[in-house]
Amino acid sequence: MTEEIKSLEELNAVAEGTEAVVEVAAPREPVRDELGRAYATGKRKDAVARVWIKPGSGKVIVNGKDQDKYFARPVLQLILRQPFQVAGVEGEFDVVATVKGGGLTGQAGAVKHGISKALQLYEPALRAPLKAAGFLTRDSRVVERKKYGKRKARRSFQFSKR
């Protein structure tokens, strides 16, 4: 049985051969509400998505519309399916999401982030594949602010010699 050593005293005790009391981390508990749903917030650029998942037939509703209507581009629908494919639970969960801010691509990324976080809260065993795929990490890239004396964030005004 491998045990985690958390302090220098425990390391010294193991090195001397005496047994130290080492606490083994408890497995993660599923986090669900009274309706059997898992909730998570996903973010990407300026978009913020509130996502609820529950066992079902694989229906995804975003802002009261079906995902095919809200995210008309196939690429965006693919982004939403990625967490389920990686976790191997395609068609097993219904998703209800409300998303605000940003554009469609940012909103799709925010819903993907929220789905990933909610899946790992609903079923902690799915955390490893989702984390390995990088879906639990918030993509922190945002638009750079405009600086004074510049035309945009970095672009200078056109130089004129005369």
N, C-alpha and C. Protein backbone atom coordinates (compact mmCIF):
# COMPACT_ATOMS: atom_id res chain seq x y z
N MET A 1 0.85 -1.18 0.00
CA MET A 1 0.00 0.00 0.00
C MET A 1 0.89 1.24 0.00
N THR A 2 0.75 2.10 -1.00
CA THR A 2 1.53 3.33 -1.06
C THR A 2 0.78 4.43 -0.35
N GLU A 3 1.49 5.15 0.50
CA GLU A 3 0.89 6.24 1.26
C GLU A 3 1.62 7.53 0.94
N GLU A 4 0.90 8.61 0.99
CA GLU A 4 1.48 9.92 0.67
C GLU A 4 2.11 10.52 1.91
N ILE A 5 3.35 10.97 1.78
CA ILE A 5 4.07 11.61 2.89
C ILE A 5 3.93 13.10 2.73
N LYS A 6 3.40 13.77 3.78
CA LYS A 6 3.08 15.18 3.64
C LYS A 6 3.97 16.11 4.46
N SER A 7 4.77 15.58 5.37
CA SER A 7 5.61 16.47 6.18
C SER A 7 6.99 15.87 6.36
N LEU A 8 7.90 16.68 6.82
CA LEU A 8 9.28 16.26 7.04
C LEU A 8 9.37 15.24 8.17
N GLU A 9 8.53 15.40 9.21
CA GLU A 9 8.53 14.45 10.34
C GLU A 9 8.14 13.05 9.87
N GLU A 10 7.13 13.00 8.98
CA GLU A 10 6.70 11.71 8.46
C GLU A 10 7.80 11.06 7.63
N LEU A 11 8.55 11.87 6.87
CA LEU A 11 9.66 11.35 6.07
C LEU A 11 10.75 10.81 6.98
N ASN A 12 11.07 11.54 8.05
CA ASN A 12 12.08 11.07 9.01
C ASN A 12 11.64 9.78 9.68
N ALA A 13 10.36 9.68 10.04
CA ALA A 13 9.85 8.48 10.69
C ALA A 13 9.94 7.28 9.75
N VAL A 14 9.65 7.47 8.48
CA VAL A 14 9.74 6.38 7.51
C VAL A 14 11.19 5.99 7.31
N ALA A 15 12.10 6.96 7.27
CA ALA A 15 13.52 6.68 7.08
C ALA A 15 14.10 5.92 8.27
N GLU A 16 13.64 6.22 9.50
CA GLU A 16 14.14 5.52 10.69
C GLU A 16 13.50 4.15 10.85
N GLY A 17 12.44 3.90 10.15
CA GLY A 17 11.81 2.60 10.22
C GLY A 17 10.60 2.56 11.13
N THR A 18 10.34 3.61 11.89
CA THR A 18 9.15 3.64 12.74
C THR A 18 7.96 4.03 11.89
N GLU A 19 6.81 3.54 12.28
CA GLU A 19 5.58 3.83 11.54
C GLU A 19 5.01 5.17 11.95
N ALA A 20 4.70 5.99 10.98
CA ALA A 20 4.04 7.26 11.23
C ALA A 20 2.59 7.13 10.77
N VAL A 21 1.73 7.86 11.41
CA VAL A 21 0.32 7.84 11.02
C VAL A 21 0.18 8.76 9.81
N VAL A 22 -0.16 8.16 8.67
CA VAL A 22 -0.30 8.92 7.43
C VAL A 22 -1.75 8.81 6.98
N GLU A 23 -2.38 9.97 6.73
CA GLU A 23 -3.77 9.98 6.27
C GLU A 23 -3.81 9.78 4.76
N VAL A 24 -4.66 8.86 4.35
CA VAL A 24 -4.84 8.60 2.92
C VAL A 24 -6.00 9.48 2.45
N ALA A 25 -5.80 10.16 1.31
CA ALA A 25 -6.83 11.07 0.79
C ALA A 25 -8.09 10.30 0.43
N ALA A 26 -9.22 10.81 0.88
CA ALA A 26 -10.50 10.16 0.60
C ALA A 26 -10.87 10.39 -0.87
N PRO A 27 -11.55 9.41 -1.49
CA PRO A 27 -11.97 9.62 -2.87
C PRO A 27 -12.99 10.75 -2.95
N ARG A 28 -13.04 11.42 -4.11
CA ARG A 28 -13.95 12.55 -4.29
C ARG A 28 -15.40 12.08 -4.27
N GLU A 29 -16.25 12.90 -3.68
CA GLU A 29 -17.68 12.61 -3.61
C GLU A 29 -18.38 13.31 -4.78
N PRO A 30 -19.40 12.68 -5.36
CA PRO A 30 -20.19 13.37 -6.40
C PRO A 30 -20.93 14.56 -5.79
N VAL A 31 -21.02 15.65 -6.55
CA VAL A 31 -21.73 16.84 -6.10
C VAL A 31 -22.98 17.00 -6.97
N ARG A 32 -24.16 16.76 -6.36
CA ARG A 32 -25.42 16.85 -7.10
C ARG A 32 -26.45 17.58 -6.25
N ASP A 33 -27.40 18.26 -6.92
CA ASP A 33 -28.46 18.95 -6.18
C ASP A 33 -29.62 17.99 -5.91
N GLU A 34 -30.71 18.53 -5.31
CA GLU A 34 -31.85 17.68 -4.94
C GLU A 34 -32.58 17.09 -6.15
N LEU A 35 -32.37 17.65 -7.34
CA LEU A 35 -32.98 17.13 -8.55
C LEU A 35 -32.07 16.15 -9.29
N GLY A 36 -30.91 15.83 -8.72
CA GLY A 36 -29.98 14.89 -9.33
C GLY A 36 -29.13 15.49 -10.44
N ARG A 37 -28.99 16.83 -10.44
CA ARG A 37 -28.20 17.51 -11.47
C ARG A 37 -26.87 17.96 -10.89
N ALA A 38 -25.88 18.10 -11.77
CA ALA A 38 -24.60 18.71 -11.39
C ALA A 38 -24.54 20.07 -12.08
N TYR A 39 -24.04 21.08 -11.35
CA TYR A 39 -23.98 22.45 -11.87
C TYR A 39 -22.52 22.90 -11.93
N ALA A 40 -22.19 23.64 -12.98
CA ALA A 40 -20.85 24.23 -13.08
C ALA A 40 -20.92 25.48 -13.94
N THR A 41 -19.94 26.37 -13.73
CA THR A 41 -19.82 27.59 -14.51
C THR A 41 -18.61 27.45 -15.42
N GLY A 42 -18.81 27.71 -16.70
CA GLY A 42 -17.71 27.67 -17.66
C GLY A 42 -17.44 29.05 -18.21
N LYS A 43 -16.17 29.34 -18.48
CA LYS A 43 -15.81 30.67 -19.00
C LYS A 43 -14.84 30.54 -20.15
N ARG A 44 -14.96 31.48 -21.11
CA ARG A 44 -14.05 31.56 -22.24
C ARG A 44 -14.16 32.96 -22.82
N LYS A 45 -13.06 33.66 -22.96
CA LYS A 45 -13.04 35.06 -23.40
C LYS A 45 -14.00 35.86 -22.52
N ASP A 46 -15.00 36.52 -23.11
CA ASP A 46 -15.96 37.30 -22.32
C ASP A 46 -17.24 36.53 -22.03
N ALA A 47 -17.32 35.29 -22.48
CA ALA A 47 -18.55 34.50 -22.33
C ALA A 47 -18.54 33.73 -21.00
N VAL A 48 -19.71 33.70 -20.35
CA VAL A 48 -19.89 32.95 -19.11
C VAL A 48 -21.09 32.04 -19.29
N ALA A 49 -20.90 30.73 -19.04
CA ALA A 49 -21.98 29.76 -19.21
C ALA A 49 -22.30 29.10 -17.88
N ARG A 50 -23.60 29.03 -17.58
CA ARG A 50 -24.08 28.28 -16.42
C ARG A 50 -24.64 26.98 -16.96
N VAL A 51 -24.10 25.84 -16.50
CA VAL A 51 -24.42 24.54 -17.10
C VAL A 51 -24.94 23.58 -16.04
N TRP A 52 -26.08 22.93 -16.35
CA TRP A 52 -26.61 21.86 -15.52
C TRP A 52 -26.64 20.59 -16.35
N ILE A 53 -26.17 19.47 -15.78
CA ILE A 53 -26.26 18.19 -16.48
C ILE A 53 -26.99 17.19 -15.60
N LYS A 54 -27.73 16.30 -16.27
CA LYS A 54 -28.42 15.21 -15.57
C LYS A 54 -28.51 14.03 -16.52
N PRO A 55 -28.66 12.82 -16.00
CA PRO A 55 -28.77 11.66 -16.89
C PRO A 55 -29.96 11.80 -17.82
N GLY A 56 -29.77 11.41 -19.06
CA GLY A 56 -30.84 11.55 -20.04
C GLY A 56 -30.46 10.96 -21.39
N SER A 57 -31.00 11.56 -22.45
CA SER A 57 -30.83 11.01 -23.79
C SER A 57 -29.78 11.74 -24.63
N GLY A 58 -29.12 12.74 -24.06
CA GLY A 58 -28.09 13.46 -24.81
C GLY A 58 -28.57 14.75 -25.43
N LYS A 59 -29.70 15.29 -24.95
CA LYS A 59 -30.25 16.54 -25.47
C LYS A 59 -29.48 17.72 -24.89
N VAL A 60 -29.10 18.68 -25.73
CA VAL A 60 -28.38 19.88 -25.28
C VAL A 60 -29.23 21.10 -25.60
N ILE A 61 -29.60 21.86 -24.57
CA ILE A 61 -30.39 23.07 -24.75
C ILE A 61 -29.57 24.26 -24.27
N VAL A 62 -29.38 25.24 -25.15
CA VAL A 62 -28.61 26.44 -24.83
C VAL A 62 -29.52 27.64 -24.96
N ASN A 63 -29.68 28.40 -23.88
CA ASN A 63 -30.54 29.59 -23.85
C ASN A 63 -31.95 29.29 -24.39
N GLY A 64 -32.50 28.14 -24.01
CA GLY A 64 -33.86 27.78 -24.41
C GLY A 64 -34.01 27.23 -25.81
N LYS A 65 -32.91 27.13 -26.56
CA LYS A 65 -32.96 26.60 -27.92
C LYS A 65 -32.14 25.32 -28.00
N ASP A 66 -32.46 24.48 -28.97
CA ASP A 66 -31.68 23.28 -29.22
C ASP A 66 -30.28 23.70 -29.71
N GLN A 67 -29.27 22.88 -29.42
CA GLN A 67 -27.89 23.26 -29.80
C GLN A 67 -27.74 23.45 -31.30
N ASP A 68 -28.51 22.69 -32.11
CA ASP A 68 -28.41 22.85 -33.57
C ASP A 68 -28.91 24.21 -34.03
N LYS A 69 -29.88 24.76 -33.32
CA LYS A 69 -30.42 26.09 -33.67
C LYS A 69 -29.52 27.20 -33.14
N TYR A 70 -29.04 27.06 -31.89
CA TYR A 70 -28.25 28.13 -31.28
C TYR A 70 -26.84 28.19 -31.88
N PHE A 71 -26.17 27.03 -31.95
CA PHE A 71 -24.85 26.95 -32.56
C PHE A 71 -25.03 26.29 -33.93
N ALA A 72 -25.31 27.10 -34.96
CA ALA A 72 -25.64 26.58 -36.29
C ALA A 72 -24.43 25.98 -36.99
N ARG A 73 -23.23 26.51 -36.69
CA ARG A 73 -22.03 26.01 -37.36
C ARG A 73 -21.64 24.62 -36.82
N PRO A 74 -21.33 23.67 -37.70
CA PRO A 74 -20.97 22.32 -37.25
C PRO A 74 -19.73 22.30 -36.34
N VAL A 75 -18.80 23.22 -36.55
CA VAL A 75 -17.59 23.28 -35.74
C VAL A 75 -17.95 23.55 -34.27
N LEU A 76 -18.91 24.43 -34.05
CA LEU A 76 -19.31 24.76 -32.69
C LEU A 76 -20.04 23.59 -32.03
N GLN A 77 -20.82 22.85 -32.81
CA GLN A 77 -21.50 21.66 -32.28
C GLN A 77 -20.47 20.59 -31.91
N LEU A 78 -19.40 20.50 -32.71
CA LEU A 78 -18.32 19.56 -32.43
C LEU A 78 -17.64 19.91 -31.11
N ILE A 79 -17.43 21.21 -30.87
CA ILE A 79 -16.81 21.66 -29.62
C ILE A 79 -17.64 21.21 -28.42
N LEU A 80 -18.97 21.30 -28.54
CA LEU A 80 -19.84 20.91 -27.43
C LEU A 80 -19.82 19.41 -27.18
N ARG A 81 -19.57 18.60 -28.22
CA ARG A 81 -19.57 17.14 -28.06
C ARG A 81 -18.26 16.61 -27.49
N GLN A 82 -17.18 17.39 -27.57
CA GLN A 82 -15.86 16.90 -27.18
C GLN A 82 -15.78 16.33 -25.76
N PRO A 83 -16.29 17.03 -24.72
CA PRO A 83 -16.17 16.47 -23.37
C PRO A 83 -16.83 15.09 -23.23
N PHE A 84 -17.98 14.89 -23.88
CA PHE A 84 -18.67 13.60 -23.79
C PHE A 84 -17.88 12.51 -24.51
N GLN A 85 -17.26 12.85 -25.66
CA GLN A 85 -16.47 11.87 -26.40
C GLN A 85 -15.24 11.45 -25.61
N VAL A 86 -14.55 12.42 -25.02
CA VAL A 86 -13.34 12.11 -24.26
C VAL A 86 -13.66 11.27 -23.02
N ALA A 87 -14.78 11.60 -22.36
CA ALA A 87 -15.18 10.88 -21.15
C ALA A 87 -15.83 9.54 -21.48
N GLY A 88 -16.24 9.34 -22.74
CA GLY A 88 -16.88 8.10 -23.14
C GLY A 88 -18.31 7.97 -22.66
N VAL A 89 -19.03 9.08 -22.54
CA VAL A 89 -20.42 9.05 -22.06
C VAL A 89 -21.36 9.76 -23.05
N GLU A 90 -21.10 9.57 -24.34
CA GLU A 90 -21.93 10.23 -25.36
C GLU A 90 -23.37 9.75 -25.28
N GLY A 91 -24.32 10.70 -25.31
CA GLY A 91 -25.73 10.36 -25.30
C GLY A 91 -26.28 9.93 -23.95
N GLU A 92 -25.51 10.11 -22.87
CA GLU A 92 -25.97 9.67 -21.55
C GLU A 92 -26.46 10.82 -20.67
N PHE A 93 -26.15 12.07 -21.05
CA PHE A 93 -26.50 13.20 -20.21
C PHE A 93 -27.26 14.25 -21.00
N ASP A 94 -28.27 14.85 -20.36
CA ASP A 94 -28.95 16.01 -20.90
C ASP A 94 -28.28 17.26 -20.34
N VAL A 95 -28.16 18.29 -21.17
CA VAL A 95 -27.49 19.52 -20.76
C VAL A 95 -28.45 20.69 -20.93
N VAL A 96 -28.54 21.52 -19.91
CA VAL A 96 -29.26 22.78 -20.00
C VAL A 96 -28.25 23.87 -19.65
N ALA A 97 -28.06 24.82 -20.56
CA ALA A 97 -27.06 25.86 -20.35
C ALA A 97 -27.64 27.23 -20.67
N THR A 98 -27.23 28.21 -19.87
CA THR A 98 -27.52 29.60 -20.20
C THR A 98 -26.17 30.28 -20.35
N VAL A 99 -26.01 31.03 -21.42
CA VAL A 99 -24.71 31.64 -21.70
C VAL A 99 -24.91 33.09 -22.07
N LYS A 100 -24.00 33.94 -21.54
CA LYS A 100 -24.07 35.38 -21.80
C LYS A 100 -22.69 35.88 -22.17
N GLY A 101 -22.66 36.95 -22.95
CA GLY A 101 -21.41 37.63 -23.27
C GLY A 101 -20.63 36.97 -24.39
N GLY A 102 -19.75 37.75 -25.00
CA GLY A 102 -18.86 37.23 -26.03
C GLY A 102 -19.58 36.91 -27.32
N GLY A 103 -18.87 36.24 -28.21
CA GLY A 103 -19.43 35.82 -29.48
C GLY A 103 -19.75 34.33 -29.44
N LEU A 104 -20.15 33.78 -30.57
CA LEU A 104 -20.56 32.38 -30.60
C LEU A 104 -19.42 31.42 -30.27
N THR A 105 -18.22 31.69 -30.78
CA THR A 105 -17.09 30.81 -30.51
C THR A 105 -16.74 30.81 -29.03
N GLY A 106 -16.70 32.00 -28.43
CA GLY A 106 -16.42 32.10 -27.00
C GLY A 106 -17.50 31.42 -26.19
N GLN A 107 -18.75 31.56 -26.62
CA GLN A 107 -19.85 30.93 -25.90
C GLN A 107 -19.77 29.41 -25.99
N ALA A 108 -19.41 28.89 -27.16
CA ALA A 108 -19.26 27.44 -27.31
C ALA A 108 -18.14 26.93 -26.41
N GLY A 109 -17.04 27.67 -26.34
CA GLY A 109 -15.94 27.29 -25.45
C GLY A 109 -16.34 27.34 -23.99
N ALA A 110 -17.17 28.33 -23.62
CA ALA A 110 -17.63 28.45 -22.24
C ALA A 110 -18.55 27.29 -21.87
N VAL A 111 -19.45 26.91 -22.78
CA VAL A 111 -20.34 25.78 -22.51
C VAL A 111 -19.53 24.48 -22.41
N LYS A 112 -18.52 24.32 -23.27
CA LYS A 112 -17.65 23.14 -23.21
C LYS A 112 -16.94 23.06 -21.86
N HIS A 113 -16.43 24.19 -21.39
CA HIS A 113 -15.75 24.24 -20.10
C HIS A 113 -16.72 23.89 -18.98
N GLY A 114 -17.94 24.44 -19.05
CA GLY A 114 -18.95 24.16 -18.04
C GLY A 114 -19.38 22.70 -18.04
N ILE A 115 -19.56 22.12 -19.21
CA ILE A 115 -19.94 20.70 -19.32
C ILE A 115 -18.85 19.83 -18.70
N SER A 116 -17.59 20.14 -19.00
CA SER A 116 -16.48 19.36 -18.47
C SER A 116 -16.44 19.41 -16.95
N LYS A 117 -16.59 20.62 -16.39
CA LYS A 117 -16.57 20.77 -14.94
C LYS A 117 -17.76 20.06 -14.29
N ALA A 118 -18.94 20.16 -14.92
CA ALA A 118 -20.13 19.51 -14.37
C ALA A 118 -20.02 17.99 -14.44
N LEU A 119 -19.44 17.46 -15.52
CA LEU A 119 -19.26 16.01 -15.65
C LEU A 119 -18.36 15.48 -14.54
N GLN A 120 -17.28 16.19 -14.26
CA GLN A 120 -16.37 15.68 -13.23
C GLN A 120 -16.96 15.85 -11.83
N LEU A 121 -17.89 16.79 -11.65
CA LEU A 121 -18.59 16.90 -10.37
C LEU A 121 -19.64 15.80 -10.24
N TYR A 122 -20.34 15.48 -11.34
CA TYR A 122 -21.37 14.45 -11.32
C TYR A 122 -20.75 13.07 -11.10
N GLU A 123 -19.66 12.80 -11.84
CA GLU A 123 -18.98 11.51 -11.74
C GLU A 123 -17.48 11.74 -11.61
N PRO A 124 -16.95 11.74 -10.37
CA PRO A 124 -15.53 12.05 -10.16
C PRO A 124 -14.55 11.14 -10.91
N ALA A 125 -14.99 9.95 -11.31
CA ALA A 125 -14.11 9.04 -12.05
C ALA A 125 -13.77 9.60 -13.44
N LEU A 126 -14.60 10.51 -13.96
CA LEU A 126 -14.36 11.09 -15.29
C LEU A 126 -13.33 12.22 -15.26
N ARG A 127 -12.86 12.60 -14.07
CA ARG A 127 -11.92 13.71 -13.94
C ARG A 127 -10.62 13.46 -14.70
N ALA A 128 -10.07 12.26 -14.60
CA ALA A 128 -8.77 11.95 -15.21
C ALA A 128 -8.76 12.16 -16.73
N PRO A 129 -9.70 11.57 -17.50
CA PRO A 129 -9.63 11.81 -18.95
C PRO A 129 -9.91 13.26 -19.33
N LEU A 130 -10.82 13.93 -18.60
CA LEU A 130 -11.12 15.33 -18.91
C LEU A 130 -9.92 16.23 -18.62
N LYS A 131 -9.23 15.96 -17.52
CA LYS A 131 -8.06 16.76 -17.15
C LYS A 131 -6.93 16.51 -18.15
N ALA A 132 -6.75 15.25 -18.55
CA ALA A 132 -5.69 14.92 -19.52
C ALA A 132 -5.93 15.62 -20.85
N ALA A 133 -7.19 15.78 -21.23
CA ALA A 133 -7.51 16.46 -22.49
C ALA A 133 -7.44 17.98 -22.36
N GLY A 134 -7.31 18.49 -21.12
CA GLY A 134 -7.19 19.92 -20.89
C GLY A 134 -8.51 20.66 -20.86
N PHE A 135 -9.61 19.94 -20.65
CA PHE A 135 -10.93 20.57 -20.68
C PHE A 135 -11.32 21.22 -19.36
N LEU A 136 -10.63 20.91 -18.27
CA LEU A 136 -10.98 21.49 -16.97
C LEU A 136 -10.23 22.80 -16.72
N THR A 137 -9.28 23.13 -17.58
CA THR A 137 -8.52 24.36 -17.43
C THR A 137 -9.21 25.48 -18.20
N ARG A 138 -9.41 26.60 -17.53
CA ARG A 138 -10.04 27.75 -18.19
C ARG A 138 -9.04 28.37 -19.14
N ASP A 139 -9.44 28.56 -20.38
CA ASP A 139 -8.58 29.21 -21.37
C ASP A 139 -8.56 30.70 -21.05
N SER A 140 -7.46 31.19 -20.50
CA SER A 140 -7.42 32.55 -19.95
C SER A 140 -7.10 33.62 -20.99
N ARG A 141 -6.99 33.24 -22.27
CA ARG A 141 -6.67 34.24 -23.29
C ARG A 141 -7.86 35.16 -23.53
N VAL A 142 -7.63 36.45 -23.34
CA VAL A 142 -8.68 37.44 -23.58
C VAL A 142 -8.10 38.55 -24.47
N VAL A 143 -8.97 39.40 -24.99
CA VAL A 143 -8.55 40.48 -25.88
C VAL A 143 -7.70 41.48 -25.09
N GLU A 144 -6.57 41.85 -25.68
CA GLU A 144 -5.67 42.81 -25.04
C GLU A 144 -6.26 44.21 -25.11
N ARG A 145 -6.09 44.99 -24.05
CA ARG A 145 -6.70 46.32 -24.02
C ARG A 145 -5.95 47.29 -24.92
N LYS A 146 -6.66 48.33 -25.37
CA LYS A 146 -6.06 49.36 -26.21
C LYS A 146 -5.21 50.28 -25.35
N LYS A 147 -4.00 50.62 -25.82
CA LYS A 147 -3.12 51.53 -25.10
C LYS A 147 -3.24 52.93 -25.70
N TYR A 148 -3.02 53.93 -24.85
CA TYR A 148 -3.03 55.31 -25.34
C TYR A 148 -1.82 55.53 -26.23
N GLY A 149 -1.95 56.42 -27.21
CA GLY A 149 -0.86 56.67 -28.15
C GLY A 149 -0.75 55.61 -29.23
N LYS A 150 -1.65 54.64 -29.22
CA LYS A 150 -1.66 53.58 -30.22
C LYS A 150 -3.04 53.55 -30.89
N ARG A 151 -3.06 53.01 -32.12
CA ARG A 151 -4.33 52.92 -32.83
C ARG A 151 -5.18 51.77 -32.30
N LYS A 152 -4.53 50.65 -31.98
CA LYS A 152 -5.20 49.50 -31.36
C LYS A 152 -4.35 49.10 -30.16
N ALA A 153 -4.35 47.84 -29.80
CA ALA A 153 -3.58 47.42 -28.63
C ALA A 153 -2.07 47.59 -28.86
N ARG A 154 -1.62 47.24 -30.06
CA ARG A 154 -0.19 47.34 -30.36
C ARG A 154 0.09 48.14 -31.62
N ARG A 155 -0.88 48.24 -32.52
CA ARG A 155 -0.68 48.92 -33.80
C ARG A 155 -0.51 50.41 -33.59
N SER A 156 0.55 50.96 -34.19
CA SER A 156 0.80 52.40 -34.09
C SER A 156 0.06 53.13 -35.20
N PHE A 157 -0.04 54.45 -35.03
CA PHE A 157 -0.61 55.27 -36.09
C PHE A 157 0.35 55.27 -37.26
N GLN A 158 -0.15 55.53 -38.47
CA GLN A 158 0.69 55.51 -39.66
C GLN A 158 1.72 56.64 -39.58
N PHE A 159 2.98 56.30 -39.83
CA PHE A 159 4.05 57.28 -39.77
C PHE A 159 4.06 58.13 -41.04
N SER A 160 4.22 59.43 -40.85
CA SER A 160 4.30 60.33 -42.00
C SER A 160 5.59 61.15 -41.87
N LYS A 161 6.43 61.06 -42.89
CA LYS A 161 7.69 61.80 -42.83
C LYS A 161 7.45 63.27 -43.09
N ARG A 162 6.48 63.60 -43.92
CA ARG A 162 6.19 65.01 -44.25
C ARG A 162 4.77 65.38 -43.87
